[in-house]
Amino acid sequence: MISYEEAINALGIALGTTLKPDQHGTCLLKVKSGEEVYAEKDKKGTNLLFGMMIERVPPGKGRERLFQGALIANSKSSPGTLAYSRKADKLLLFAFLPLSNFKGQDAVEHLKAFIEYGQTWREVIRTGRLP
């Protein structure tokens, strides 16, 4: 198993940049499309965690349908897990990548799918049409 710092370094190399965690151990990845993905180690230190704030969830009946759709989506294979933050009032997406067999290029491919999935759910919130 590689360390979190080695994983961040490998991810940076695969992305063609240098990544350095902040004082809290978090890296903010700003993507050309405008998305922001946070990368940090999980509490156990055995996984790299990707996190993304998707969109504010407006109140109303559509909110309940959206949460039901997110629960159904979480039961299927996807590049991340959807969650809701009461504090931020936003839908979140997160994923764990094991450090035990971490490869930078594989992480980049997962990151691309992760971002695309988050963008799909942003569109769901904006249009009210579940995938």
N, C-alpha and C. Protein backbone atom coordinates (compact mmCIF):
# COMPACT_ATOMS: atom_id res chain seq x y z
N MET A 1 0.85 -1.19 0.00
CA MET A 1 0.00 0.00 0.00
C MET A 1 0.89 1.24 0.00
N ILE A 2 0.52 2.22 -0.85
CA ILE A 2 1.28 3.45 -0.88
C ILE A 2 0.65 4.45 0.10
N SER A 3 1.40 5.47 0.44
CA SER A 3 0.89 6.49 1.36
C SER A 3 0.00 7.47 0.60
N TYR A 4 -0.74 8.24 1.34
CA TYR A 4 -1.59 9.28 0.76
C TYR A 4 -0.75 10.26 -0.04
N GLU A 5 0.38 10.66 0.50
CA GLU A 5 1.24 11.61 -0.18
C GLU A 5 1.75 11.05 -1.51
N GLU A 6 2.10 9.76 -1.52
CA GLU A 6 2.53 9.11 -2.76
C GLU A 6 1.38 9.05 -3.77
N ALA A 7 0.17 8.80 -3.29
CA ALA A 7 -1.00 8.75 -4.17
C ALA A 7 -1.27 10.12 -4.79
N ILE A 8 -1.20 11.17 -3.98
CA ILE A 8 -1.41 12.52 -4.49
C ILE A 8 -0.34 12.86 -5.52
N ASN A 9 0.89 12.47 -5.25
CA ASN A 9 1.98 12.70 -6.20
C ASN A 9 1.72 11.96 -7.51
N ALA A 10 1.33 10.69 -7.42
CA ALA A 10 1.04 9.89 -8.61
C ALA A 10 -0.14 10.46 -9.39
N LEU A 11 -1.16 10.91 -8.69
CA LEU A 11 -2.31 11.53 -9.34
C LEU A 11 -1.88 12.81 -10.06
N GLY A 12 -1.07 13.62 -9.40
CA GLY A 12 -0.58 14.85 -10.02
C GLY A 12 0.22 14.58 -11.28
N ILE A 13 1.10 13.59 -11.23
CA ILE A 13 1.89 13.23 -12.41
C ILE A 13 0.96 12.79 -13.54
N ALA A 14 -0.02 11.96 -13.23
CA ALA A 14 -0.96 11.48 -14.24
C ALA A 14 -1.80 12.62 -14.83
N LEU A 15 -2.04 13.65 -14.02
CA LEU A 15 -2.80 14.81 -14.49
C LEU A 15 -1.90 15.84 -15.18
N GLY A 16 -0.59 15.65 -15.08
CA GLY A 16 0.35 16.59 -15.69
C GLY A 16 0.53 17.86 -14.88
N THR A 17 0.42 17.73 -13.57
CA THR A 17 0.56 18.89 -12.69
C THR A 17 1.19 18.45 -11.37
N THR A 18 1.43 19.39 -10.50
CA THR A 18 1.92 19.09 -9.17
C THR A 18 0.80 19.35 -8.18
N LEU A 19 0.50 18.36 -7.36
CA LEU A 19 -0.52 18.51 -6.33
C LEU A 19 0.14 18.53 -4.97
N LYS A 20 -0.33 19.42 -4.12
CA LYS A 20 0.21 19.51 -2.76
C LYS A 20 -0.95 19.73 -1.81
N PRO A 21 -1.12 18.85 -0.83
CA PRO A 21 -2.20 19.04 0.14
C PRO A 21 -2.03 20.32 0.95
N ASP A 22 -3.15 20.93 1.33
CA ASP A 22 -3.11 22.11 2.19
C ASP A 22 -2.82 21.69 3.63
N GLN A 23 -2.92 22.64 4.56
CA GLN A 23 -2.61 22.35 5.96
C GLN A 23 -3.56 21.34 6.59
N HIS A 24 -4.70 21.10 5.95
CA HIS A 24 -5.67 20.12 6.45
C HIS A 24 -5.54 18.78 5.74
N GLY A 25 -4.57 18.68 4.81
CA GLY A 25 -4.35 17.44 4.08
C GLY A 25 -5.27 17.26 2.89
N THR A 26 -5.90 18.34 2.43
CA THR A 26 -6.84 18.28 1.32
C THR A 26 -6.25 18.95 0.08
N CYS A 27 -6.50 18.35 -1.07
CA CYS A 27 -6.14 18.95 -2.35
C CYS A 27 -7.43 19.35 -3.06
N LEU A 28 -7.46 20.55 -3.58
CA LEU A 28 -8.59 21.01 -4.38
C LEU A 28 -8.19 20.92 -5.84
N LEU A 29 -8.93 20.11 -6.60
CA LEU A 29 -8.67 19.95 -8.02
C LEU A 29 -9.70 20.76 -8.77
N LYS A 30 -9.25 21.80 -9.48
CA LYS A 30 -10.15 22.63 -10.27
C LYS A 30 -10.04 22.16 -11.71
N VAL A 31 -11.18 21.74 -12.26
CA VAL A 31 -11.23 21.17 -13.59
C VAL A 31 -11.63 22.26 -14.58
N LYS A 32 -11.18 22.11 -15.83
CA LYS A 32 -11.47 23.11 -16.86
C LYS A 32 -12.95 23.40 -17.00
N SER A 33 -13.80 22.40 -16.78
CA SER A 33 -15.25 22.59 -16.89
C SER A 33 -15.81 23.44 -15.75
N GLY A 34 -14.97 23.77 -14.77
CA GLY A 34 -15.42 24.58 -13.64
C GLY A 34 -15.70 23.77 -12.39
N GLU A 35 -15.68 22.47 -12.51
CA GLU A 35 -15.94 21.61 -11.36
C GLU A 35 -14.77 21.69 -10.37
N GLU A 36 -15.11 21.50 -9.11
CA GLU A 36 -14.10 21.44 -8.06
C GLU A 36 -14.26 20.10 -7.34
N VAL A 37 -13.17 19.35 -7.30
CA VAL A 37 -13.16 18.06 -6.64
C VAL A 37 -12.12 18.11 -5.53
N TYR A 38 -12.51 17.68 -4.36
CA TYR A 38 -11.59 17.62 -3.22
C TYR A 38 -11.02 16.22 -3.13
N ALA A 39 -9.73 16.13 -2.88
CA ALA A 39 -9.08 14.83 -2.67
C ALA A 39 -8.41 14.88 -1.30
N GLU A 40 -8.65 13.85 -0.51
CA GLU A 40 -8.03 13.74 0.81
C GLU A 40 -8.00 12.27 1.20
N LYS A 41 -7.27 11.96 2.26
CA LYS A 41 -7.28 10.57 2.72
C LYS A 41 -8.45 10.38 3.67
N ASP A 42 -8.95 9.15 3.71
CA ASP A 42 -10.05 8.86 4.62
C ASP A 42 -9.52 8.77 6.05
N LYS A 43 -10.40 8.63 7.00
CA LYS A 43 -10.01 8.62 8.42
C LYS A 43 -9.06 7.49 8.76
N LYS A 44 -9.23 6.34 8.10
CA LYS A 44 -8.35 5.19 8.36
C LYS A 44 -7.00 5.33 7.66
N GLY A 45 -6.94 6.19 6.65
CA GLY A 45 -5.70 6.36 5.90
C GLY A 45 -5.46 5.26 4.88
N THR A 46 -6.50 4.52 4.53
CA THR A 46 -6.35 3.41 3.59
C THR A 46 -6.94 3.70 2.22
N ASN A 47 -7.61 4.85 2.08
CA ASN A 47 -8.25 5.22 0.81
C ASN A 47 -8.02 6.68 0.49
N LEU A 48 -8.01 6.96 -0.80
CA LEU A 48 -8.07 8.33 -1.28
C LEU A 48 -9.55 8.64 -1.47
N LEU A 49 -10.00 9.74 -0.93
CA LEU A 49 -11.40 10.13 -1.00
C LEU A 49 -11.55 11.29 -1.96
N PHE A 50 -12.41 11.13 -2.97
CA PHE A 50 -12.81 12.23 -3.84
C PHE A 50 -14.14 12.74 -3.35
N GLY A 51 -14.32 14.05 -3.31
CA GLY A 51 -15.58 14.65 -2.91
C GLY A 51 -15.92 15.83 -3.80
N MET A 52 -17.20 16.01 -4.06
CA MET A 52 -17.65 17.08 -4.95
C MET A 52 -19.01 17.58 -4.50
N MET A 53 -19.12 18.89 -4.33
CA MET A 53 -20.42 19.52 -4.05
C MET A 53 -21.11 19.68 -5.40
N ILE A 54 -22.29 19.12 -5.51
CA ILE A 54 -22.96 19.15 -6.81
C ILE A 54 -23.82 20.39 -6.99
N GLU A 55 -24.83 20.54 -6.16
CA GLU A 55 -25.78 21.63 -6.38
C GLU A 55 -26.71 21.74 -5.19
N ARG A 56 -27.20 22.96 -4.95
CA ARG A 56 -28.22 23.17 -3.92
C ARG A 56 -29.49 22.45 -4.35
N VAL A 57 -30.16 21.83 -3.40
CA VAL A 57 -31.39 21.09 -3.69
C VAL A 57 -32.57 21.96 -3.28
N PRO A 58 -33.35 22.43 -4.26
CA PRO A 58 -34.47 23.30 -3.92
C PRO A 58 -35.57 22.56 -3.16
N PRO A 59 -36.26 23.26 -2.27
CA PRO A 59 -37.34 22.61 -1.51
C PRO A 59 -38.52 22.28 -2.42
N GLY A 60 -39.39 21.40 -1.92
CA GLY A 60 -40.59 21.05 -2.66
C GLY A 60 -40.66 19.57 -2.95
N LYS A 61 -41.69 19.19 -3.72
CA LYS A 61 -41.91 17.77 -4.05
C LYS A 61 -40.76 17.20 -4.87
N GLY A 62 -40.16 18.02 -5.69
CA GLY A 62 -39.05 17.56 -6.51
C GLY A 62 -37.87 17.08 -5.67
N ARG A 63 -37.71 17.67 -4.50
CA ARG A 63 -36.63 17.28 -3.59
C ARG A 63 -36.79 15.83 -3.16
N GLU A 64 -38.00 15.47 -2.80
CA GLU A 64 -38.26 14.09 -2.36
C GLU A 64 -37.98 13.10 -3.50
N ARG A 65 -38.43 13.44 -4.70
CA ARG A 65 -38.17 12.58 -5.87
C ARG A 65 -36.67 12.47 -6.14
N LEU A 66 -35.96 13.58 -6.01
CA LEU A 66 -34.51 13.59 -6.23
C LEU A 66 -33.81 12.68 -5.23
N PHE A 67 -34.19 12.78 -3.96
CA PHE A 67 -33.57 11.93 -2.94
C PHE A 67 -33.88 10.46 -3.18
N GLN A 68 -35.10 10.15 -3.58
CA GLN A 68 -35.44 8.77 -3.91
C GLN A 68 -34.60 8.27 -5.08
N GLY A 69 -34.46 9.12 -6.10
CA GLY A 69 -33.64 8.76 -7.25
C GLY A 69 -32.18 8.56 -6.88
N ALA A 70 -31.68 9.39 -5.97
CA ALA A 70 -30.29 9.26 -5.52
C ALA A 70 -30.10 7.95 -4.75
N LEU A 71 -31.07 7.59 -3.91
CA LEU A 71 -30.97 6.32 -3.19
C LEU A 71 -30.96 5.14 -4.14
N ILE A 72 -31.79 5.19 -5.15
CA ILE A 72 -31.82 4.12 -6.15
C ILE A 72 -30.48 4.08 -6.89
N ALA A 73 -29.96 5.24 -7.27
CA ALA A 73 -28.67 5.31 -7.97
C ALA A 73 -27.55 4.74 -7.09
N ASN A 74 -27.61 4.98 -5.79
CA ASN A 74 -26.58 4.48 -4.88
C ASN A 74 -26.60 2.96 -4.78
N SER A 75 -27.73 2.35 -5.11
CA SER A 75 -27.80 0.89 -5.03
C SER A 75 -27.22 0.22 -6.28
N LYS A 76 -26.86 1.03 -7.26
CA LYS A 76 -26.32 0.52 -8.52
C LYS A 76 -24.84 0.86 -8.60
N SER A 77 -24.15 0.19 -9.49
CA SER A 77 -22.73 0.46 -9.71
C SER A 77 -22.56 1.83 -10.36
N SER A 78 -21.76 2.66 -9.75
CA SER A 78 -21.51 4.01 -10.28
C SER A 78 -20.14 4.48 -9.79
N PRO A 79 -19.63 5.57 -10.37
CA PRO A 79 -18.31 6.06 -9.96
C PRO A 79 -18.29 6.81 -8.64
N GLY A 80 -19.42 6.87 -7.95
CA GLY A 80 -19.46 7.56 -6.67
C GLY A 80 -20.77 7.32 -5.95
N THR A 81 -20.83 7.82 -4.72
CA THR A 81 -22.01 7.69 -3.89
C THR A 81 -22.58 9.08 -3.64
N LEU A 82 -23.88 9.22 -3.80
CA LEU A 82 -24.56 10.49 -3.58
C LEU A 82 -24.95 10.62 -2.12
N ALA A 83 -24.85 11.83 -1.61
CA ALA A 83 -25.23 12.12 -0.22
C ALA A 83 -25.80 13.54 -0.18
N TYR A 84 -26.42 13.88 0.92
CA TYR A 84 -26.97 15.22 1.09
C TYR A 84 -26.37 15.87 2.31
N SER A 85 -25.95 17.11 2.17
CA SER A 85 -25.42 17.88 3.30
C SER A 85 -26.48 18.89 3.74
N ARG A 86 -26.99 18.71 4.95
CA ARG A 86 -27.94 19.68 5.49
C ARG A 86 -27.27 21.03 5.69
N LYS A 87 -26.03 20.98 6.13
CA LYS A 87 -25.31 22.22 6.41
C LYS A 87 -25.17 23.07 5.14
N ALA A 88 -24.77 22.45 4.05
CA ALA A 88 -24.59 23.17 2.79
C ALA A 88 -25.87 23.20 1.96
N ASP A 89 -26.86 22.38 2.33
CA ASP A 89 -28.11 22.23 1.57
C ASP A 89 -27.80 21.85 0.12
N LYS A 90 -26.84 20.93 -0.05
CA LYS A 90 -26.42 20.52 -1.38
C LYS A 90 -26.32 19.01 -1.48
N LEU A 91 -26.51 18.54 -2.70
CA LEU A 91 -26.23 17.15 -3.00
C LEU A 91 -24.72 17.01 -3.17
N LEU A 92 -24.16 15.96 -2.59
CA LEU A 92 -22.72 15.72 -2.65
C LEU A 92 -22.48 14.40 -3.36
N LEU A 93 -21.26 14.26 -3.87
CA LEU A 93 -20.83 13.01 -4.47
C LEU A 93 -19.46 12.69 -3.87
N PHE A 94 -19.28 11.43 -3.49
CA PHE A 94 -17.97 11.04 -2.98
C PHE A 94 -17.62 9.64 -3.46
N ALA A 95 -16.33 9.34 -3.45
CA ALA A 95 -15.85 8.02 -3.85
C ALA A 95 -14.56 7.72 -3.11
N PHE A 96 -14.35 6.45 -2.80
CA PHE A 96 -13.13 5.99 -2.16
C PHE A 96 -12.32 5.17 -3.16
N LEU A 97 -11.04 5.49 -3.27
CA LEU A 97 -10.12 4.70 -4.10
C LEU A 97 -9.09 4.08 -3.17
N PRO A 98 -9.02 2.76 -3.10
CA PRO A 98 -8.09 2.09 -2.18
C PRO A 98 -6.63 2.44 -2.51
N LEU A 99 -5.85 2.70 -1.49
CA LEU A 99 -4.43 2.98 -1.66
C LEU A 99 -3.63 1.69 -1.82
N SER A 100 -4.29 0.56 -1.58
CA SER A 100 -3.57 -0.73 -1.63
C SER A 100 -3.09 -1.07 -3.03
N ASN A 101 -3.82 -0.66 -4.05
CA ASN A 101 -3.37 -0.93 -5.42
C ASN A 101 -3.54 0.33 -6.29
N PHE A 102 -3.20 1.46 -5.73
CA PHE A 102 -3.41 2.76 -6.37
C PHE A 102 -2.46 2.97 -7.55
N LYS A 103 -3.06 3.41 -8.66
CA LYS A 103 -2.29 3.79 -9.84
C LYS A 103 -2.81 5.15 -10.30
N GLY A 104 -1.91 6.07 -10.54
CA GLY A 104 -2.30 7.43 -10.91
C GLY A 104 -3.20 7.50 -12.12
N GLN A 105 -2.86 6.77 -13.18
CA GLN A 105 -3.66 6.83 -14.40
C GLN A 105 -5.06 6.24 -14.18
N ASP A 106 -5.15 5.17 -13.41
CA ASP A 106 -6.46 4.60 -13.07
C ASP A 106 -7.30 5.62 -12.28
N ALA A 107 -6.64 6.34 -11.38
CA ALA A 107 -7.34 7.36 -10.59
C ALA A 107 -7.85 8.48 -11.49
N VAL A 108 -7.08 8.85 -12.50
CA VAL A 108 -7.52 9.89 -13.44
C VAL A 108 -8.75 9.43 -14.20
N GLU A 109 -8.76 8.19 -14.65
CA GLU A 109 -9.92 7.65 -15.35
C GLU A 109 -11.15 7.63 -14.44
N HIS A 110 -10.96 7.25 -13.18
CA HIS A 110 -12.05 7.26 -12.23
C HIS A 110 -12.52 8.70 -11.99
N LEU A 111 -11.58 9.61 -11.88
CA LEU A 111 -11.91 11.02 -11.66
C LEU A 111 -12.76 11.57 -12.80
N LYS A 112 -12.42 11.22 -14.03
CA LYS A 112 -13.20 11.68 -15.19
C LYS A 112 -14.64 11.18 -15.10
N ALA A 113 -14.80 9.89 -14.81
CA ALA A 113 -16.15 9.31 -14.69
C ALA A 113 -16.89 9.93 -13.51
N PHE A 114 -16.18 10.17 -12.42
CA PHE A 114 -16.74 10.78 -11.21
C PHE A 114 -17.30 12.17 -11.53
N ILE A 115 -16.51 12.98 -12.24
CA ILE A 115 -16.93 14.34 -12.58
C ILE A 115 -18.13 14.31 -13.53
N GLU A 116 -18.08 13.43 -14.51
CA GLU A 116 -19.20 13.31 -15.44
C GLU A 116 -20.48 12.90 -14.72
N TYR A 117 -20.36 11.99 -13.78
CA TYR A 117 -21.51 11.56 -12.98
C TYR A 117 -22.06 12.73 -12.17
N GLY A 118 -21.18 13.50 -11.57
CA GLY A 118 -21.61 14.69 -10.82
C GLY A 118 -22.31 15.70 -11.71
N GLN A 119 -21.81 15.88 -12.92
CA GLN A 119 -22.44 16.81 -13.86
C GLN A 119 -23.83 16.32 -14.26
N THR A 120 -23.97 15.00 -14.41
CA THR A 120 -25.28 14.42 -14.73
C THR A 120 -26.28 14.76 -13.63
N TRP A 121 -25.86 14.61 -12.38
CA TRP A 121 -26.75 14.89 -11.26
C TRP A 121 -27.00 16.38 -11.09
N ARG A 122 -26.06 17.23 -11.48
CA ARG A 122 -26.30 18.68 -11.46
C ARG A 122 -27.43 18.99 -12.45
N GLU A 123 -27.38 18.37 -13.60
CA GLU A 123 -28.42 18.57 -14.61
C GLU A 123 -29.76 18.04 -14.11
N VAL A 124 -29.75 16.93 -13.40
CA VAL A 124 -30.99 16.38 -12.82
C VAL A 124 -31.61 17.41 -11.87
N ILE A 125 -30.81 18.01 -11.03
CA ILE A 125 -31.33 18.99 -10.07
C ILE A 125 -31.89 20.20 -10.82
N ARG A 126 -31.19 20.66 -11.82
CA ARG A 126 -31.61 21.85 -12.55
C ARG A 126 -32.87 21.62 -13.38
N THR A 127 -33.01 20.43 -13.96
CA THR A 127 -34.14 20.16 -14.84
C THR A 127 -35.27 19.40 -14.17
N GLY A 128 -34.96 18.68 -13.09
CA GLY A 128 -35.97 17.87 -12.42
C GLY A 128 -36.21 16.55 -13.11
N ARG A 129 -35.40 16.20 -14.12
CA ARG A 129 -35.56 14.94 -14.84
C ARG A 129 -34.53 13.93 -14.35
N LEU A 130 -35.02 12.89 -13.69
CA LEU A 130 -34.12 11.84 -13.18
C LEU A 130 -33.61 10.98 -14.33
N PRO A 131 -32.36 10.51 -14.21
CA PRO A 131 -31.82 9.66 -15.29
C PRO A 131 -32.47 8.29 -15.29
